[in-house]
Amino acid sequence: MNTIFESLALTSSTLGFGTETASDYGPGFLGFIFTAAMVVAVIFLIRDMIRRVRRVRYTSEAEAKQQEMVSKGEERKLQEPDEPHDPKTDEQQ
């Protein structure tokens, strides 16, 4: 049994297994470039998503305000005075 372990140890040392240093492990420069590209892409996607959500929210607020103005305009027509109104003098004629 010892001969098997000795032969494996001898084979691994001659083939270069186990000679790596701590700096040999890791993603390297290519991994850094890929990660940086992913971060930039995610930042642009988030900014675009925020812009689109904000646009949808503003559109819905504008539609609600327009609907409110239309409904108030209909009420105002029902409450018009019988006599004409002069805006320059702010008096009713």
Protein backbone atom coordinates (compact mmCIF):
# COMPACT_ATOMS: atom_id res chain seq x y z
CA MET A 1 0.00 0.00 0.00
CA ASN A 2 2.86 2.34 0.79
CA THR A 3 4.33 1.73 -2.62
CA ILE A 4 1.14 3.01 -4.26
CA PHE A 5 1.24 6.25 -2.28
CA GLU A 6 4.96 6.65 -2.97
CA SER A 7 4.44 6.16 -6.68
CA LEU A 8 1.56 8.69 -6.71
CA ALA A 9 3.67 11.22 -4.81
CA LEU A 10 6.58 10.71 -7.19
CA THR A 11 4.34 11.00 -10.25
CA SER A 12 2.66 14.18 -9.01
CA SER A 13 5.99 15.83 -8.23
CA THR A 14 7.44 14.99 -11.65
CA LEU A 15 4.33 16.18 -13.53
CA GLY A 16 4.21 19.50 -11.69
CA PHE A 17 1.07 18.92 -9.62
CA GLY A 18 1.04 20.77 -6.33
CA THR A 19 3.58 23.36 -7.40
CA GLU A 20 1.06 26.16 -7.90
CA THR A 21 1.38 29.30 -5.81
CA ALA A 22 -1.43 31.31 -4.30
CA SER A 23 -1.23 33.86 -7.14
CA ASP A 24 -1.91 31.17 -9.75
CA TYR A 25 -5.49 30.76 -8.57
CA GLY A 26 -8.24 33.20 -9.52
CA PRO A 27 -10.02 34.57 -12.53
CA GLY A 28 -7.12 36.65 -13.82
CA PHE A 29 -7.31 39.66 -16.08
CA LEU A 30 -9.94 38.15 -18.38
CA GLY A 31 -12.23 37.55 -15.40
CA PHE A 32 -11.73 41.14 -14.27
CA ILE A 33 -12.64 42.48 -17.74
CA PHE A 34 -15.75 40.29 -17.90
CA THR A 35 -16.87 41.35 -14.41
CA ALA A 36 -16.28 45.03 -15.18
CA ALA A 37 -18.30 44.72 -18.41
CA MET A 38 -21.15 43.06 -16.52
CA VAL A 39 -21.16 45.84 -13.91
CA VAL A 40 -21.30 48.54 -16.60
CA ALA A 41 -24.12 46.71 -18.41
CA VAL A 42 -26.13 46.32 -15.20
CA ILE A 43 -25.70 50.03 -14.38
CA PHE A 44 -27.04 51.01 -17.81
CA LEU A 45 -29.94 48.55 -17.53
CA ILE A 46 -30.92 49.87 -14.09
CA ARG A 47 -30.81 53.49 -15.29
CA ASP A 48 -32.97 52.61 -18.30
CA MET A 49 -35.45 50.72 -16.10
CA ILE A 50 -35.73 53.65 -13.66
CA ARG A 51 -36.32 56.04 -16.57
CA ARG A 52 -39.08 53.85 -18.01
CA VAL A 53 -40.79 53.35 -14.65
CA ARG A 54 -40.67 57.10 -13.99
CA ARG A 55 -42.15 57.79 -17.44
CA VAL A 56 -45.03 55.37 -16.82
CA ARG A 57 -45.70 56.91 -13.41
CA TYR A 58 -45.70 60.47 -14.80
CA THR A 59 -47.99 59.42 -17.64
CA SER A 60 -50.50 57.88 -15.25
CA GLU A 61 -50.36 60.96 -12.99
CA ALA A 62 -50.92 63.24 -15.99
CA GLU A 63 -53.87 61.16 -17.17
CA ALA A 64 -55.41 61.25 -13.69
CA LYS A 65 -54.94 65.01 -13.47
CA GLN A 66 -56.42 65.48 -16.93
CA GLN A 67 -59.42 63.33 -16.01
CA GLU A 68 -59.86 65.38 -12.84
CA MET A 69 -59.76 68.63 -14.81
CA VAL A 70 -62.30 67.28 -17.29
CA SER A 71 -64.66 66.29 -14.49
CA LYS A 72 -64.23 69.71 -12.82
CA GLY A 73 -64.84 71.39 -16.17
CA GLU A 74 -68.16 69.58 -16.51
CA GLU A 75 -69.14 70.71 -13.02
CA ARG A 76 -68.15 74.29 -13.82
CA LYS A 77 -70.44 74.33 -16.85
CA LEU A 78 -73.34 73.48 -14.59
CA GLN A 79 -72.51 76.39 -12.25
CA GLU A 80 -72.11 79.19 -14.82
CA PRO A 81 -73.70 82.50 -13.87
CA ASP A 82 -76.64 83.80 -15.83
CA GLU A 83 -75.03 87.19 -16.51
CA PRO A 84 -71.80 87.64 -18.52
CA HIS A 85 -68.61 88.25 -16.58
CA ASP A 86 -66.00 90.90 -17.55
CA PRO A 87 -62.54 89.72 -16.46
CA LYS A 88 -60.95 93.21 -16.91
CA THR A 89 -63.15 94.88 -14.33
CA ASP A 90 -63.89 91.73 -12.40
CA GLU A 91 -67.54 92.71 -12.28
CA GLN A 92 -70.63 91.06 -13.53
CA GLN A 93 -72.62 93.04 -16.11
